């Protein structure tokens, strides 16, 4: 999973969280990752989250990932069909464009 800050200022996402479509509420830690306090994404920067390191759930097949703010409102959501995320499923241009199937993963760098 990769997040991108398309804004002109750093964004503090401490207290925000992500879930996949299997999420079954606040006690479901198998399908949720909470960002630690003071997690910052600088302007124009990427934040890469790796299964088994930052989050416990896999993404692939057909799935949905939802990013929530600390106040439980949805900041963003991505959903895709079976096989669409095998190489890469990304926004082009970064952070603002439509989601599309990419030819290869570009973690930490511009999607294309």
N, C-alpha and C. Protein backbone atom coordinates (compact mmCIF):
# COMPACT_ATOMS: atom_id res chain seq x y z
N UNK A 1 0.86 -1.17 0.00
CA UNK A 1 0.00 0.00 0.00
C UNK A 1 0.89 1.22 0.00
N UNK A 2 0.53 2.20 -0.80
CA UNK A 2 1.32 3.43 -0.88
C UNK A 2 0.39 4.63 -0.76
N UNK A 3 0.76 5.57 0.09
CA UNK A 3 0.05 6.83 0.22
C UNK A 3 0.92 7.93 -0.35
N UNK A 4 0.28 8.97 -0.88
CA UNK A 4 1.00 10.09 -1.48
C UNK A 4 0.37 11.39 -1.01
N UNK A 5 1.20 12.34 -0.63
CA UNK A 5 0.72 13.66 -0.23
C UNK A 5 0.85 14.60 -1.42
N UNK A 6 -0.27 14.91 -2.06
CA UNK A 6 -0.27 15.81 -3.22
C UNK A 6 -0.36 17.27 -2.80
N UNK A 7 -0.46 17.52 -1.49
CA UNK A 7 -0.61 18.89 -1.00
C UNK A 7 0.70 19.65 -0.94
N UNK A 8 0.59 20.92 -0.55
CA UNK A 8 1.76 21.80 -0.45
C UNK A 8 2.36 21.84 0.95
N UNK A 9 1.71 21.17 1.91
CA UNK A 9 2.19 21.16 3.30
C UNK A 9 2.26 19.72 3.80
N UNK A 10 3.09 19.50 4.80
CA UNK A 10 3.18 18.18 5.41
C UNK A 10 1.83 17.81 6.01
N UNK A 11 1.52 16.53 6.00
CA UNK A 11 0.26 16.03 6.54
C UNK A 11 0.55 15.07 7.68
N UNK A 12 0.01 15.35 8.86
CA UNK A 12 0.12 14.46 10.01
C UNK A 12 -1.03 13.47 9.95
N UNK A 13 -0.73 12.18 9.75
CA UNK A 13 -1.78 11.17 9.70
C UNK A 13 -1.75 10.29 10.95
N UNK A 14 -1.11 10.76 12.00
CA UNK A 14 -1.14 10.04 13.27
C UNK A 14 -2.58 9.90 13.74
N UNK A 15 -2.98 8.70 14.12
CA UNK A 15 -4.35 8.45 14.53
C UNK A 15 -5.27 8.03 13.39
N UNK A 16 -4.84 8.22 12.15
CA UNK A 16 -5.60 7.72 11.00
C UNK A 16 -5.42 6.20 10.95
N UNK A 17 -6.21 5.53 10.13
CA UNK A 17 -6.06 4.08 9.99
C UNK A 17 -6.55 3.62 8.62
N UNK A 18 -6.07 2.43 8.23
CA UNK A 18 -6.52 1.81 6.98
C UNK A 18 -7.11 0.44 7.31
N UNK A 19 -8.08 0.04 6.50
CA UNK A 19 -8.69 -1.28 6.64
C UNK A 19 -8.86 -1.89 5.25
N UNK A 20 -8.92 -3.22 5.21
CA UNK A 20 -9.29 -3.85 3.95
C UNK A 20 -10.74 -4.30 4.04
N UNK A 21 -11.26 -4.88 2.95
CA UNK A 21 -12.69 -5.15 2.89
C UNK A 21 -13.15 -6.21 3.89
N UNK A 22 -12.24 -6.96 4.46
CA UNK A 22 -12.61 -7.96 5.46
C UNK A 22 -12.81 -7.39 6.85
N UNK A 23 -12.63 -6.09 7.02
CA UNK A 23 -12.70 -5.43 8.33
C UNK A 23 -14.07 -5.60 8.97
N UNK A 24 -14.05 -6.00 10.27
CA UNK A 24 -15.29 -6.30 10.98
C UNK A 24 -15.44 -5.45 12.25
N UNK A 25 -14.94 -4.23 12.23
CA UNK A 25 -15.11 -3.32 13.37
C UNK A 25 -13.84 -3.12 14.18
N UNK A 26 -13.89 -2.20 15.16
CA UNK A 26 -12.69 -1.75 15.89
C UNK A 26 -11.83 -2.85 16.51
N UNK A 27 -12.38 -3.98 16.91
CA UNK A 27 -11.58 -5.04 17.50
C UNK A 27 -10.86 -5.93 16.51
N UNK A 28 -11.11 -5.74 15.22
CA UNK A 28 -10.55 -6.59 14.17
C UNK A 28 -9.17 -6.09 13.76
N UNK A 29 -8.15 -6.52 14.48
CA UNK A 29 -6.78 -6.08 14.18
C UNK A 29 -6.16 -6.82 13.00
N UNK A 30 -6.80 -7.89 12.54
CA UNK A 30 -6.28 -8.63 11.39
C UNK A 30 -6.52 -7.89 10.08
N UNK A 31 -7.44 -6.91 10.09
CA UNK A 31 -7.79 -6.19 8.86
C UNK A 31 -7.70 -4.68 9.04
N UNK A 32 -6.90 -4.24 10.02
CA UNK A 32 -6.78 -2.80 10.30
C UNK A 32 -5.34 -2.47 10.68
N UNK A 33 -4.89 -1.30 10.21
CA UNK A 33 -3.59 -0.76 10.63
C UNK A 33 -3.80 0.68 11.08
N UNK A 34 -3.36 0.99 12.30
CA UNK A 34 -3.45 2.34 12.87
C UNK A 34 -2.10 3.04 12.74
N UNK A 35 -2.11 4.24 12.19
CA UNK A 35 -0.87 5.01 12.05
C UNK A 35 -0.46 5.56 13.41
N UNK A 36 0.80 5.37 13.79
CA UNK A 36 1.28 5.89 15.06
C UNK A 36 1.18 7.42 15.12
N UNK A 37 1.14 7.96 16.33
CA UNK A 37 1.13 9.41 16.53
C UNK A 37 2.28 10.05 15.79
N UNK A 38 2.04 11.23 15.26
CA UNK A 38 3.05 12.03 14.57
C UNK A 38 3.61 11.37 13.31
N UNK A 39 2.82 10.51 12.64
CA UNK A 39 3.23 9.97 11.34
C UNK A 39 3.02 11.08 10.31
N UNK A 40 4.09 11.52 9.71
CA UNK A 40 4.04 12.64 8.77
C UNK A 40 4.34 12.18 7.35
N UNK A 41 3.63 12.78 6.40
CA UNK A 41 3.95 12.62 4.98
C UNK A 41 4.21 14.03 4.46
N UNK A 42 5.42 14.30 4.03
CA UNK A 42 5.77 15.62 3.52
C UNK A 42 5.14 15.90 2.18
N UNK A 43 5.09 17.17 1.77
CA UNK A 43 4.52 17.50 0.47
C UNK A 43 5.28 16.79 -0.65
N UNK A 44 4.54 16.15 -1.55
CA UNK A 44 5.16 15.43 -2.65
C UNK A 44 5.83 14.13 -2.27
N UNK A 45 5.65 13.68 -1.02
CA UNK A 45 6.29 12.44 -0.56
C UNK A 45 5.33 11.26 -0.58
N UNK A 46 5.91 10.08 -0.63
CA UNK A 46 5.20 8.82 -0.60
C UNK A 46 5.44 8.14 0.75
N UNK A 47 4.46 7.38 1.21
CA UNK A 47 4.60 6.53 2.38
C UNK A 47 4.21 5.13 1.95
N UNK A 48 5.15 4.19 2.02
CA UNK A 48 4.91 2.82 1.60
C UNK A 48 4.69 1.95 2.83
N UNK A 49 3.63 1.15 2.79
CA UNK A 49 3.28 0.23 3.87
C UNK A 49 3.38 -1.19 3.34
N UNK A 50 4.10 -2.04 4.05
CA UNK A 50 4.36 -3.39 3.60
C UNK A 50 3.63 -4.41 4.46
N UNK A 51 2.99 -5.40 3.82
CA UNK A 51 2.33 -6.48 4.56
C UNK A 51 3.34 -7.18 5.45
N UNK A 52 2.94 -7.43 6.68
CA UNK A 52 3.80 -8.12 7.62
C UNK A 52 4.78 -7.21 8.34
N UNK A 53 4.90 -5.97 7.86
CA UNK A 53 5.77 -4.99 8.53
C UNK A 53 4.89 -3.94 9.19
N UNK A 54 4.16 -3.16 8.39
CA UNK A 54 3.26 -2.15 8.95
C UNK A 54 1.84 -2.67 9.11
N UNK A 55 1.38 -3.49 8.21
CA UNK A 55 -0.01 -3.97 8.30
C UNK A 55 -0.07 -5.48 8.14
N UNK A 56 -1.10 -6.12 8.74
CA UNK A 56 -1.16 -7.58 8.74
C UNK A 56 -1.89 -8.21 7.57
N UNK A 57 -2.63 -7.43 6.80
CA UNK A 57 -3.51 -8.02 5.80
C UNK A 57 -2.90 -7.95 4.41
N UNK A 58 -3.30 -8.90 3.58
CA UNK A 58 -2.84 -8.91 2.19
C UNK A 58 -3.80 -8.13 1.31
N UNK A 59 -3.29 -7.64 0.22
CA UNK A 59 -4.13 -6.98 -0.78
C UNK A 59 -3.86 -7.65 -2.12
N UNK A 60 -4.88 -7.84 -2.86
CA UNK A 60 -4.74 -8.52 -4.14
C UNK A 60 -6.09 -9.08 -4.50
N UNK A 61 -6.12 -9.91 -5.54
CA UNK A 61 -7.41 -10.39 -5.98
C UNK A 61 -8.34 -9.21 -6.17
N UNK A 62 -9.58 -9.36 -5.79
CA UNK A 62 -10.49 -8.23 -5.72
C UNK A 62 -10.53 -7.77 -4.27
N UNK A 63 -10.35 -6.50 -4.01
CA UNK A 63 -10.25 -6.03 -2.63
C UNK A 63 -10.63 -4.55 -2.57
N UNK A 64 -10.74 -4.04 -1.36
CA UNK A 64 -10.98 -2.63 -1.10
C UNK A 64 -10.10 -2.21 0.06
N UNK A 65 -9.42 -1.09 -0.08
CA UNK A 65 -8.66 -0.48 1.01
C UNK A 65 -9.29 0.89 1.27
N UNK A 66 -9.59 1.16 2.55
CA UNK A 66 -10.17 2.44 2.91
C UNK A 66 -9.26 3.12 3.92
N UNK A 67 -8.98 4.39 3.68
CA UNK A 67 -8.17 5.22 4.57
C UNK A 67 -9.12 6.12 5.35
N UNK A 68 -9.05 6.02 6.68
CA UNK A 68 -9.89 6.83 7.56
C UNK A 68 -9.06 7.86 8.31
N UNK A 69 -9.63 9.03 8.49
CA UNK A 69 -9.03 10.04 9.36
C UNK A 69 -9.27 9.63 10.82
N UNK A 70 -8.60 10.31 11.74
CA UNK A 70 -8.74 10.01 13.17
C UNK A 70 -10.17 10.18 13.66
N UNK A 71 -10.97 11.01 12.98
CA UNK A 71 -12.37 11.21 13.38
C UNK A 71 -13.32 10.22 12.72
N UNK A 72 -12.77 9.16 12.13
CA UNK A 72 -13.52 8.07 11.48
C UNK A 72 -14.21 8.45 10.18
N UNK A 73 -13.88 9.59 9.58
CA UNK A 73 -14.41 9.93 8.27
C UNK A 73 -13.46 9.36 7.21
N UNK A 74 -14.01 9.03 6.06
CA UNK A 74 -13.21 8.43 4.99
C UNK A 74 -12.40 9.52 4.29
N UNK A 75 -11.09 9.30 4.20
CA UNK A 75 -10.19 10.20 3.48
C UNK A 75 -10.03 9.75 2.03
N UNK A 76 -10.01 8.43 1.80
CA UNK A 76 -9.85 7.90 0.45
C UNK A 76 -10.20 6.42 0.46
N UNK A 77 -10.49 5.91 -0.72
CA UNK A 77 -10.82 4.49 -0.86
C UNK A 77 -10.37 4.04 -2.24
N UNK A 78 -9.86 2.82 -2.28
CA UNK A 78 -9.53 2.19 -3.56
C UNK A 78 -10.14 0.80 -3.57
N UNK A 79 -10.82 0.48 -4.64
CA UNK A 79 -11.32 -0.88 -4.81
C UNK A 79 -11.04 -1.34 -6.23
N UNK A 80 -10.77 -2.60 -6.36
CA UNK A 80 -10.36 -3.13 -7.66
C UNK A 80 -10.86 -4.55 -7.82
N UNK A 81 -10.88 -4.98 -9.07
CA UNK A 81 -11.33 -6.32 -9.41
C UNK A 81 -10.21 -7.34 -9.34
N UNK A 82 -10.58 -8.58 -9.47
CA UNK A 82 -9.63 -9.69 -9.41
C UNK A 82 -8.50 -9.50 -10.43
N UNK A 83 -7.28 -9.55 -9.95
CA UNK A 83 -6.11 -9.45 -10.81
C UNK A 83 -5.64 -8.04 -11.11
N UNK A 84 -6.46 -7.02 -10.84
CA UNK A 84 -6.09 -5.65 -11.17
C UNK A 84 -4.87 -5.17 -10.38
N UNK A 85 -4.67 -5.68 -9.16
CA UNK A 85 -3.56 -5.22 -8.33
C UNK A 85 -2.35 -6.15 -8.39
N UNK A 86 -2.34 -7.08 -9.34
CA UNK A 86 -1.21 -8.02 -9.42
C UNK A 86 0.11 -7.30 -9.64
N UNK A 87 0.14 -6.34 -10.53
CA UNK A 87 1.37 -5.57 -10.75
C UNK A 87 1.33 -4.29 -9.95
N UNK A 88 0.31 -3.47 -10.19
CA UNK A 88 0.16 -2.21 -9.50
C UNK A 88 -1.23 -1.67 -9.78
N UNK A 89 -1.84 -1.08 -8.78
CA UNK A 89 -3.12 -0.39 -8.96
C UNK A 89 -2.91 0.99 -8.35
N UNK A 90 -2.96 2.02 -9.17
CA UNK A 90 -2.47 3.32 -8.72
C UNK A 90 -3.25 4.47 -9.36
N UNK A 91 -3.04 5.66 -8.81
CA UNK A 91 -3.62 6.88 -9.39
C UNK A 91 -2.59 7.51 -10.31
N UNK A 92 -3.05 7.93 -11.47
CA UNK A 92 -2.18 8.64 -12.40
C UNK A 92 -2.95 9.86 -12.87
N UNK A 93 -2.42 11.08 -12.61
CA UNK A 93 -1.18 11.37 -11.90
C UNK A 93 -1.30 11.06 -10.39
N UNK A 94 -0.15 10.98 -9.74
CA UNK A 94 -0.07 10.61 -8.33
C UNK A 94 -1.05 11.42 -7.48
N UNK A 95 -1.82 10.70 -6.67
CA UNK A 95 -2.67 11.32 -5.67
C UNK A 95 -3.92 12.01 -6.14
N UNK A 96 -4.06 12.28 -7.44
CA UNK A 96 -5.23 13.04 -7.89
C UNK A 96 -5.95 12.41 -9.07
N UNK A 97 -5.28 11.60 -9.83
CA UNK A 97 -5.89 11.05 -11.04
C UNK A 97 -6.80 9.87 -10.75
N UNK A 98 -7.32 9.31 -11.81
CA UNK A 98 -8.14 8.12 -11.69
C UNK A 98 -7.27 6.92 -11.37
N UNK A 99 -7.85 5.93 -10.67
CA UNK A 99 -7.14 4.67 -10.44
C UNK A 99 -7.07 3.90 -11.75
N UNK A 100 -5.94 3.23 -11.93
CA UNK A 100 -5.74 2.43 -13.14
C UNK A 100 -4.82 1.27 -12.82
N UNK A 101 -4.84 0.27 -13.68
CA UNK A 101 -3.93 -0.87 -13.57
C UNK A 101 -2.59 -0.43 -14.15
N UNK A 102 -1.53 -0.53 -13.35
CA UNK A 102 -0.19 -0.18 -13.80
C UNK A 102 0.55 -1.42 -14.25
N UNK A 103 1.59 -1.22 -15.04
CA UNK A 103 2.35 -2.37 -15.55
C UNK A 103 3.32 -2.94 -14.53
N UNK A 104 3.74 -2.12 -13.56
CA UNK A 104 4.66 -2.59 -12.52
C UNK A 104 4.51 -1.73 -11.28
N UNK A 105 4.90 -2.28 -10.14
CA UNK A 105 4.86 -1.54 -8.88
C UNK A 105 5.90 -0.43 -8.89
N UNK A 106 5.52 0.72 -8.37
CA UNK A 106 6.43 1.88 -8.35
C UNK A 106 6.55 2.42 -6.92
N UNK A 107 6.59 1.53 -5.93
CA UNK A 107 6.57 1.96 -4.53
C UNK A 107 7.60 3.03 -4.26
N UNK A 108 7.12 4.15 -3.71
CA UNK A 108 8.00 5.24 -3.33
C UNK A 108 8.40 6.17 -4.45
N UNK A 109 7.84 5.97 -5.65
CA UNK A 109 8.16 6.86 -6.77
C UNK A 109 6.93 7.08 -7.62
N UNK A 110 7.04 7.99 -8.57
CA UNK A 110 5.92 8.41 -9.41
C UNK A 110 5.30 7.25 -10.16
N UNK A 111 3.96 7.22 -10.18
CA UNK A 111 3.23 6.22 -10.94
C UNK A 111 3.25 6.61 -12.42
N UNK A 112 3.23 5.62 -13.26
CA UNK A 112 3.23 5.94 -14.68
C UNK A 112 2.72 4.81 -15.51
